[in-house]
């Protein structure tokens, strides 16, 4: 029997897929955070630190890292995108 490896996703892997798609296509996104702030920018990449914290990297004139567990909603502002909104 193979040992099951637990995925350390701080969010569900399905939601993680939406982030990866947004990065792959370079979508312009608007993020709503748990503290009710909104952040807009182009989705560039996701990254995981050595401490297993996960971030979405966006470009809004400068590269900004948003911790995934702080995101409540992601709206895609790019026209004709594969999806328009994801609720975390």
PDB file of N, CA and C in Angstrom:
ATOM      1  N   UNK A   1       0.842  -1.186   0.000  1.00  0.00           N
ATOM      2  CA  UNK A   1       0.000   0.000   0.000  1.00  0.00           C
ATOM      3  C   UNK A   1       0.882   1.242   0.000  1.00  0.00           C
ATOM      4  N   UNK A   2       0.565   2.181  -0.890  1.00  0.00           N
ATOM      5  CA  UNK A   2       1.348   3.412  -0.948  1.00  0.00           C
ATOM      6  C   UNK A   2       0.988   4.332   0.209  1.00  0.00           C
ATOM      7  N   UNK A   3       1.987   5.026   0.701  1.00  0.00           N
ATOM      8  CA  UNK A   3       1.739   5.992   1.759  1.00  0.00           C
ATOM      9  C   UNK A   3       1.091   7.232   1.155  1.00  0.00           C
ATOM     10  N   UNK A   4       0.030   7.695   1.792  1.00  0.00           N
ATOM     11  CA  UNK A   4      -0.663   8.890   1.304  1.00  0.00           C
ATOM     12  C   UNK A   4       0.075  10.124   1.827  1.00  0.00           C
ATOM     13  N   UNK A   5       0.439  10.997   0.915  1.00  0.00           N
ATOM     14  CA  UNK A   5       1.133  12.222   1.300  1.00  0.00           C
ATOM     15  C   UNK A   5       0.103  13.327   1.420  1.00  0.00           C
ATOM     16  N   UNK A   6       0.064  13.955   2.568  1.00  0.00           N
ATOM     17  CA  UNK A   6      -0.895  15.036   2.782  1.00  0.00           C
ATOM     18  C   UNK A   6      -0.402  16.290   2.076  1.00  0.00           C
ATOM     19  N   UNK A   7      -1.299  16.916   1.344  1.00  0.00           N
ATOM     20  CA  UNK A   7      -0.981  18.163   0.663  1.00  0.00           C
ATOM     21  C   UNK A   7      -1.106  19.294   1.681  1.00  0.00           C
ATOM     22  N   UNK A   8      -0.128  20.143   1.729  1.00  0.00           N
ATOM     23  CA  UNK A   8      -0.107  21.219   2.712  1.00  0.00           C
ATOM     24  C   UNK A   8      -0.806  22.487   2.214  1.00  0.00           C
ATOM     25  N   UNK A   9      -1.732  22.378   1.260  1.00  0.00           N
ATOM     26  CA  UNK A   9      -2.454  23.542   0.754  1.00  0.00           C
ATOM     27  C   UNK A   9      -3.158  24.241   1.911  1.00  0.00           C
ATOM     28  N   UNK A  10      -2.974  25.559   2.008  1.00  0.00           N
ATOM     29  CA  UNK A  10      -3.702  26.315   3.019  1.00  0.00           C
ATOM     30  C   UNK A  10      -5.123  26.594   2.535  1.00  0.00           C
ATOM     31  N   UNK A  11      -5.360  26.396   1.239  1.00  0.00           N
ATOM     32  CA  UNK A  11      -6.696  26.499   0.665  1.00  0.00           C
ATOM     33  C   UNK A  11      -6.940  25.216  -0.106  1.00  0.00           C
ATOM     34  N   UNK A  12      -8.189  24.968  -0.498  1.00  0.00           N
ATOM     35  CA  UNK A  12      -8.468  23.723  -1.217  1.00  0.00           C
ATOM     36  C   UNK A  12      -7.697  23.703  -2.541  1.00  0.00           C
ATOM     37  N   UNK A  13      -7.352  22.524  -2.968  1.00  0.00           N
ATOM     38  CA  UNK A  13      -6.590  22.397  -4.212  1.00  0.00           C
ATOM     39  C   UNK A  13      -7.400  22.873  -5.417  1.00  0.00           C
ATOM     40  N   UNK A  14      -8.731  22.736  -5.349  1.00  0.00           N
ATOM     41  CA  UNK A  14      -9.577  23.236  -6.435  1.00  0.00           C
ATOM     42  C   UNK A  14      -9.441  24.758  -6.554  1.00  0.00           C
ATOM     43  N   UNK A  15      -9.459  25.449  -5.420  1.00  0.00           N
ATOM     44  CA  UNK A  15      -9.297  26.904  -5.446  1.00  0.00           C
ATOM     45  C   UNK A  15      -7.888  27.274  -5.902  1.00  0.00           C
ATOM     46  N   UNK A  16      -6.924  26.475  -5.512  1.00  0.00           N
ATOM     47  CA  UNK A  16      -5.535  26.699  -5.936  1.00  0.00           C
ATOM     48  C   UNK A  16      -5.436  26.639  -7.461  1.00  0.00           C
ATOM     49  N   UNK A  17      -6.202  25.743  -8.079  1.00  0.00           N
ATOM     50  CA  UNK A  17      -6.209  25.628  -9.542  1.00  0.00           C
ATOM     51  C   UNK A  17      -6.645  26.927 -10.202  1.00  0.00           C
ATOM     52  N   UNK A  18      -7.653  27.584  -9.630  1.00  0.00           N
ATOM     53  CA  UNK A  18      -8.106  28.864 -10.193  1.00  0.00           C
ATOM     54  C   UNK A  18      -6.995  29.914 -10.140  1.00  0.00           C
ATOM     55  N   UNK A  19      -6.244  29.917  -9.059  1.00  0.00           N
ATOM     56  CA  UNK A  19      -5.116  30.853  -8.944  1.00  0.00           C
ATOM     57  C   UNK A  19      -4.075  30.562 -10.015  1.00  0.00           C
ATOM     58  N   UNK A  20      -3.794  29.284 -10.233  1.00  0.00           N
ATOM     59  CA  UNK A  20      -2.811  28.895 -11.242  1.00  0.00           C
ATOM     60  C   UNK A  20      -3.274  29.300 -12.647  1.00  0.00           C
ATOM     61  N   UNK A  21      -4.570  29.131 -12.930  1.00  0.00           N
ATOM     62  CA  UNK A  21      -5.113  29.541 -14.231  1.00  0.00           C
ATOM     63  C   UNK A  21      -4.980  31.047 -14.395  1.00  0.00           C
ATOM     64  N   UNK A  22      -5.309  31.803 -13.351  1.00  0.00           N
ATOM     65  CA  UNK A  22      -5.192  33.267 -13.418  1.00  0.00           C
ATOM     66  C   UNK A  22      -3.753  33.678 -13.707  1.00  0.00           C
ATOM     67  N   UNK A  23      -2.804  32.996 -13.107  1.00  0.00           N
ATOM     68  CA  UNK A  23      -1.382  33.300 -13.347  1.00  0.00           C
ATOM     69  C   UNK A  23      -0.960  32.893 -14.754  1.00  0.00           C
ATOM     70  N   UNK A  24      -1.395  31.720 -15.184  1.00  0.00           N
ATOM     71  CA  UNK A  24      -1.008  31.201 -16.489  1.00  0.00           C
ATOM     72  C   UNK A  24      -1.449  32.150 -17.607  1.00  0.00           C
ATOM     73  N   UNK A  25      -2.645  32.713 -17.467  1.00  0.00           N
ATOM     74  CA  UNK A  25      -3.173  33.613 -18.490  1.00  0.00           C
ATOM     75  C   UNK A  25      -2.877  35.084 -18.199  1.00  0.00           C
ATOM     76  N   UNK A  26      -2.247  35.363 -17.069  1.00  0.00           N
ATOM     77  CA  UNK A  26      -1.918  36.743 -16.719  1.00  0.00           C
ATOM     78  C   UNK A  26      -3.142  37.618 -16.511  1.00  0.00           C
ATOM     79  N   UNK A  27      -4.174  37.028 -15.895  1.00  0.00           N
ATOM     80  CA  UNK A  27      -5.418  37.767 -15.691  1.00  0.00           C
ATOM     81  C   UNK A  27      -5.216  38.956 -14.752  1.00  0.00           C
ATOM     82  N   UNK A  28      -5.943  40.012 -15.038  1.00  0.00           N
ATOM     83  CA  UNK A  28      -6.050  41.150 -14.133  1.00  0.00           C
ATOM     84  C   UNK A  28      -7.102  40.758 -13.103  1.00  0.00           C
ATOM     85  N   UNK A  29      -6.761  40.804 -11.821  1.00  0.00           N
ATOM     86  CA  UNK A  29      -7.672  40.341 -10.780  1.00  0.00           C
ATOM     87  C   UNK A  29      -7.891  41.415  -9.721  1.00  0.00           C
ATOM     88  N   UNK A  30      -9.034  41.308  -9.060  1.00  0.00           N
ATOM     89  CA  UNK A  30      -9.337  42.131  -7.896  1.00  0.00           C
ATOM     90  C   UNK A  30      -9.562  41.174  -6.746  1.00  0.00           C
ATOM     91  N   UNK A  31      -8.741  41.280  -5.719  1.00  0.00           N
ATOM     92  CA  UNK A  31      -8.825  40.404  -4.559  1.00  0.00           C
ATOM     93  C   UNK A  31      -9.495  41.138  -3.410  1.00  0.00           C
ATOM     94  N   UNK A  32     -10.435  40.469  -2.747  1.00  0.00           N
ATOM     95  CA  UNK A  32     -11.014  40.990  -1.519  1.00  0.00           C
ATOM     96  C   UNK A  32     -10.420  40.161  -0.388  1.00  0.00           C
ATOM     97  N   UNK A  33      -9.861  40.863   0.599  1.00  0.00           N
ATOM     98  CA  UNK A  33      -9.171  40.193   1.697  1.00  0.00           C
ATOM     99  C   UNK A  33     -10.048  40.124   2.942  1.00  0.00           C
ATOM    100  N   UNK A  34      -9.650  39.292   3.900  1.00  0.00           N
ATOM    101  CA  UNK A  34     -10.419  39.108   5.127  1.00  0.00           C
ATOM    102  C   UNK A  34     -10.607  40.411   5.896  1.00  0.00           C
ATOM    103  N   UNK A  35      -9.660  41.340   5.779  1.00  0.00           N
ATOM    104  CA  UNK A  35      -9.776  42.622   6.480  1.00  0.00           C
ATOM    105  C   UNK A  35     -10.557  43.656   5.656  1.00  0.00           C
ATOM    106  N   UNK A  36     -11.239  43.192   4.597  1.00  0.00           N
ATOM    107  CA  UNK A  36     -12.096  43.989   3.715  1.00  0.00           C
ATOM    108  C   UNK A  36     -11.326  44.908   2.769  1.00  0.00           C
ATOM    109  N   UNK A  37     -10.007  44.836   2.762  1.00  0.00           N
ATOM    110  CA  UNK A  37      -9.218  45.583   1.781  1.00  0.00           C
ATOM    111  C   UNK A  37      -9.396  44.925   0.422  1.00  0.00           C
ATOM    112  N   UNK A  38      -9.230  45.710  -0.644  1.00  0.00           N
ATOM    113  CA  UNK A  38      -9.192  45.136  -1.981  1.00  0.00           C
ATOM    114  C   UNK A  38      -7.848  45.479  -2.607  1.00  0.00           C
ATOM    115  N   UNK A  39      -7.354  44.546  -3.399  1.00  0.00           N
ATOM    116  CA  UNK A  39      -6.075  44.704  -4.077  1.00  0.00           C
ATOM    117  C   UNK A  39      -6.295  44.306  -5.529  1.00  0.00           C
ATOM    118  N   UNK A  40      -5.827  45.129  -6.461  1.00  0.00           N
ATOM    119  CA  UNK A  40      -5.945  44.805  -7.878  1.00  0.00           C
ATOM    120  C   UNK A  40      -4.569  44.671  -8.492  1.00  0.00           C
ATOM    121  N   UNK A  41      -4.456  43.785  -9.472  1.00  0.00           N
ATOM    122  CA  UNK A  41      -3.194  43.634 -10.177  1.00  0.00           C
ATOM    123  C   UNK A  41      -3.239  42.436 -11.105  1.00  0.00           C
ATOM    124  N   UNK A  42      -2.158  42.265 -11.835  1.00  0.00           N
ATOM    125  CA  UNK A  42      -2.022  41.138 -12.756  1.00  0.00           C
ATOM    126  C   UNK A  42      -1.470  39.947 -11.984  1.00  0.00           C
ATOM    127  N   UNK A  43      -2.177  38.811 -12.071  1.00  0.00           N
ATOM    128  CA  UNK A  43      -1.721  37.588 -11.399  1.00  0.00           C
ATOM    129  C   UNK A  43      -0.466  37.078 -12.099  1.00  0.00           C
ATOM    130  N   UNK A  44       0.605  36.908 -11.347  1.00  0.00           N
ATOM    131  CA  UNK A  44       1.882  36.481 -11.922  1.00  0.00           C
ATOM    132  C   UNK A  44       2.256  35.049 -11.573  1.00  0.00           C
ATOM    133  N   UNK A  45       2.154  34.698 -10.283  1.00  0.00           N
ATOM    134  CA  UNK A  45       2.680  33.408  -9.836  1.00  0.00           C
ATOM    135  C   UNK A  45       2.176  33.122  -8.431  1.00  0.00           C
ATOM    136  N   UNK A  46       2.334  31.870  -8.013  1.00  0.00           N
ATOM    137  CA  UNK A  46       2.121  31.507  -6.620  1.00  0.00           C
ATOM    138  C   UNK A  46       3.460  31.046  -6.075  1.00  0.00           C
ATOM    139  N   UNK A  47       3.643  31.194  -4.780  1.00  0.00           N
ATOM    140  CA  UNK A  47       4.887  30.706  -4.179  1.00  0.00           C
ATOM    141  C   UNK A  47       4.610  30.200  -2.780  1.00  0.00           C
ATOM    142  N   UNK A  48       5.465  29.287  -2.349  1.00  0.00           N
ATOM    143  CA  UNK A  48       5.378  28.713  -1.014  1.00  0.00           C
ATOM    144  C   UNK A  48       6.713  28.936  -0.327  1.00  0.00           C
ATOM    145  N   UNK A  49       6.654  29.480   0.874  1.00  0.00           N
ATOM    146  CA  UNK A  49       7.886  29.740   1.623  1.00  0.00           C
ATOM    147  C   UNK A  49       8.340  28.468   2.329  1.00  0.00           C
ATOM    148  N   UNK A  50       9.526  28.522   2.888  1.00  0.00           N
ATOM    149  CA  UNK A  50      10.065  27.382   3.642  1.00  0.00           C
ATOM    150  C   UNK A  50       9.170  27.064   4.843  1.00  0.00           C
ATOM    151  N   UNK A  51       8.444  28.068   5.338  1.00  0.00           N
ATOM    152  CA  UNK A  51       7.541  27.871   6.479  1.00  0.00           C
ATOM    153  C   UNK A  51       6.172  27.362   6.030  1.00  0.00           C
ATOM    154  N   UNK A  52       6.045  27.006   4.734  1.00  0.00           N
ATOM    155  CA  UNK A  52       4.808  26.464   4.159  1.00  0.00           C
ATOM    156  C   UNK A  52       3.690  27.500   4.054  1.00  0.00           C
ATOM    157  N   UNK A  53       4.035  28.780   4.024  1.00  0.00           N
ATOM    158  CA  UNK A  53       3.035  29.823   3.792  1.00  0.00           C
ATOM    159  C   UNK A  53       2.939  30.042   2.288  1.00  0.00           C
ATOM    160  N   UNK A  54       1.704  30.143   1.796  1.00  0.00           N
ATOM    161  CA  UNK A  54       1.483  30.265   0.353  1.00  0.00           C
ATOM    162  C   UNK A  54       1.023  31.671   0.002  1.00  0.00           C
ATOM    163  N   UNK A  55       1.523  32.165  -1.132  1.00  0.00           N
ATOM    164  CA  UNK A  55       1.229  33.525  -1.573  1.00  0.00           C
ATOM    165  C   UNK A  55       0.871  33.552  -3.045  1.00  0.00           C
ATOM    166  N   UNK A  56       0.040  34.532  -3.403  1.00  0.00           N
ATOM    167  CA  UNK A  56      -0.202  34.885  -4.790  1.00  0.00           C
ATOM    168  C   UNK A  56       0.615  36.135  -5.051  1.00  0.00           C
ATOM    169  N   UNK A  57       1.410  36.119  -6.103  1.00  0.00           N
ATOM    170  CA  UNK A  57       2.208  37.288  -6.476  1.00  0.00           C
ATOM    171  C   UNK A  57       1.445  38.020  -7.577  1.00  0.00           C
ATOM    172  N   UNK A  58       1.177  39.307  -7.333  1.00  0.00           N
ATOM    173  CA  UNK A  58       0.505  40.120  -8.340  1.00  0.00           C
ATOM    174  C   UNK A  58       1.377  41.330  -8.652  1.00  0.00           C
ATOM    175  N   UNK A  59       1.131  41.911  -9.821  1.00  0.00           N
ATOM    176  CA  UNK A  59       1.850  43.109 -10.243  1.00  0.00           C
ATOM    177  C   UNK A  59       0.852  44.248 -10.343  1.00  0.00           C
ATOM    178  N   UNK A  60       0.989  45.219  -9.462  1.00  0.00           N
ATOM    179  CA  UNK A  60       0.153  46.411  -9.509  1.00  0.00           C
ATOM    180  C   UNK A  60       1.046  47.654  -9.527  1.00  0.00           C
ATOM    181  N   UNK A  61       2.061  47.583 -10.391  1.00  0.00           N
ATOM    182  CA  UNK A  61       3.069  48.637 -10.436  1.00  0.00           C
ATOM    183  C   UNK A  61       4.324  48.203  -9.702  1.00  0.00           C
ATOM    184  N   UNK A  62       4.148  47.322  -8.758  1.00  0.00           N
ATOM    185  CA  UNK A  62       5.245  46.653  -8.064  1.00  0.00           C
ATOM    186  C   UNK A  62       4.756  45.253  -7.754  1.00  0.00           C
ATOM    187  N   UNK A  63       5.673  44.336  -7.538  1.00  0.00           N
ATOM    188  CA  UNK A  63       5.265  42.964  -7.205  1.00  0.00           C
ATOM    189  C   UNK A  63       4.835  42.933  -5.744  1.00  0.00           C
ATOM    190  N   UNK A  64       3.656  42.368  -5.527  1.00  0.00           N
ATOM    191  CA  UNK A  64       3.103  42.281  -4.181  1.00  0.00           C
ATOM    192  C   UNK A  64       2.724  40.841  -3.898  1.00  0.00           C
ATOM    193  N   UNK A  65       3.014  40.373  -2.691  1.00  0.00           N
ATOM    194  CA  UNK A  65       2.677  39.007  -2.290  1.00  0.00           C
ATOM    195  C   UNK A  65       1.479  39.056  -1.349  1.00  0.00           C
ATOM    196  N   UNK A  66       0.430  38.321  -1.721  1.00  0.00           N
ATOM    197  CA  UNK A  66      -0.784  38.259  -0.910  1.00  0.00           C
ATOM    198  C   UNK A  66      -0.906  36.843  -0.368  1.00  0.00           C
ATOM    199  N   UNK A  67      -0.951  36.704   0.950  1.00  0.00           N
ATOM    200  CA  UNK A  67      -1.051  35.373   1.539  1.00  0.00           C
ATOM    201  C   UNK A  67      -2.407  34.760   1.184  1.00  0.00           C
ATOM    202  N   UNK A  68      -2.384  33.520   0.688  1.00  0.00           N
ATOM    203  CA  UNK A  68      -3.599  32.889   0.184  1.00  0.00           C
ATOM    204  C   UNK A  68      -4.694  32.779   1.233  1.00  0.00           C
ATOM    205  N   UNK A  69      -4.315  32.524   2.481  1.00  0.00           N
ATOM    206  CA  UNK A  69      -5.350  32.342   3.502  1.00  0.00           C
ATOM    207  C   UNK A  69      -6.002  33.665   3.910  1.00  0.00           C
ATOM    208  N   UNK A  70      -5.569  34.789   3.316  1.00  0.00           N
ATOM    209  CA  UNK A  70      -6.188  36.092   3.576  1.00  0.00           C
ATOM    210  C   UNK A  70      -7.214  36.461   2.504  1.00  0.00           C
ATOM    211  N   UNK A  71      -7.250  35.697   1.405  1.00  0.00           N
ATOM    212  CA  UNK A  71      -8.139  36.025   0.293  1.00  0.00           C
ATOM    213  C   UNK A  71      -9.535  35.459   0.558  1.00  0.00           C
ATOM    214  N   UNK A  72     -10.548  36.320   0.394  1.00  0.00           N
ATOM    215  CA  UNK A  72     -11.943  35.918   0.547  1.00  0.00           C
ATOM    216  C   UNK A  72     -12.576  35.713  -0.825  1.00  0.00           C
ATOM    217  N   UNK A  73     -12.233  36.596  -1.781  1.00  0.00           N
ATOM    218  CA  UNK A  73     -12.832  36.534  -3.110  1.00  0.00           C
ATOM    219  C   UNK A  73     -11.823  37.019  -4.140  1.00  0.00           C
ATOM    220  N   UNK A  74     -11.836  36.378  -5.313  1.00  0.00           N
ATOM    221  CA  UNK A  74     -11.026  36.822  -6.441  1.00  0.00           C
ATOM    222  C   UNK A  74     -11.961  37.052  -7.614  1.00  0.00           C
ATOM    223  N   UNK A  75     -11.984  38.291  -8.106  1.00  0.00           N
ATOM    224  CA  UNK A  75     -12.757  38.626  -9.297  1.00  0.00           C
ATOM    225  C   UNK A  75     -11.778  38.813 -10.439  1.00  0.00           C
ATOM    226  N   UNK A  76     -12.104  38.260 -11.595  1.00  0.00           N
ATOM    227  CA  UNK A  76     -11.253  38.419 -12.766  1.00  0.00           C
ATOM    228  C   UNK A  76     -11.784  39.602 -13.573  1.00  0.00           C
ATOM    229  N   UNK A  77     -10.926  40.589 -13.817  1.00  0.00           N
ATOM    230  CA  UNK A  77     -11.309  41.800 -14.536  1.00  0.00           C
ATOM    231  C   UNK A  77     -11.012  41.697 -16.027  1.00  0.00           C
ATOM    232  N   UNK A  78     -10.223  40.699 -16.413  1.00  0.00           N
ATOM    233  CA  UNK A  78      -9.863  40.501 -17.820  1.00  0.00           C
ATOM    234  C   UNK A  78     -11.093  40.045 -18.604  1.00  0.00           C
ATOM    235  N   UNK A  79     -11.432  40.722 -19.718  1.00  0.00           N
ATOM    236  CA  UNK A  79     -12.581  40.298 -20.525  1.00  0.00           C
ATOM    237  C   UNK A  79     -12.391  38.894 -21.097  1.00  0.00           C
ATOM    238  N   UNK A  80     -13.487  38.162 -21.251  1.00  0.00           N
ATOM    239  CA  UNK A  80     -13.502  36.827 -21.859  1.00  0.00           C
ATOM    240  C   UNK A  80     -12.617  35.811 -21.140  1.00  0.00           C
ATOM    241  N   UNK A  81     -12.472  35.971 -19.844  1.00  0.00           N
ATOM    242  CA  UNK A  81     -11.660  35.036 -19.052  1.00  0.00           C
ATOM    243  C   UNK A  81     -12.388  33.701 -18.920  1.00  0.00           C
ATOM    244  N   UNK A  82     -11.651  32.669 -18.517  1.00  0.00           N
ATOM    245  CA  UNK A  82     -12.206  31.320 -18.346  1.00  0.00           C
ATOM    246  C   UNK A  82     -13.195  31.249 -17.166  1.00  0.00           C
ATOM    247  N   UNK A  83     -13.082  32.189 -16.224  1.00  0.00           N
ATOM    248  CA  UNK A  83     -13.988  32.285 -15.090  1.00  0.00           C
ATOM    249  C   UNK A  83     -14.010  33.747 -14.653  1.00  0.00           C
ATOM    250  N   UNK A  84     -14.995  34.129 -13.840  1.00  0.00           N
ATOM    251  CA  UNK A  84     -15.108  35.539 -13.474  1.00  0.00           C
ATOM    252  C   UNK A  84     -14.950  35.796 -11.978  1.00  0.00           C
ATOM    253  N   UNK A  85     -15.319  34.808 -11.144  1.00  0.00           N
ATOM    254  CA  UNK A  85     -15.259  35.054  -9.708  1.00  0.00           C
ATOM    255  C   UNK A  85     -15.068  33.730  -8.975  1.00  0.00           C
ATOM    256  N   UNK A  86     -14.271  33.775  -7.921  1.00  0.00           N
ATOM    257  CA  UNK A  86     -14.073  32.600  -7.060  1.00  0.00           C
ATOM    258  C   UNK A  86     -14.204  33.077  -5.619  1.00  0.00           C
ATOM    259  N   UNK A  87     -15.025  32.368  -4.853  1.00  0.00           N
ATOM    260  CA  UNK A  87     -15.177  32.659  -3.431  1.00  0.00           C
ATOM    261  C   UNK A  87     -14.331  31.648  -2.659  1.00  0.00           C
ATOM    262  N   UNK A  88     -13.471  32.156  -1.796  1.00  0.00           N
ATOM    263  CA  UNK A  88     -12.613  31.297  -0.988  1.00  0.00           C
ATOM    264  C   UNK A  88     -13.286  31.049   0.320  1.00  0.00           C
TER     265      UNK A  88
END
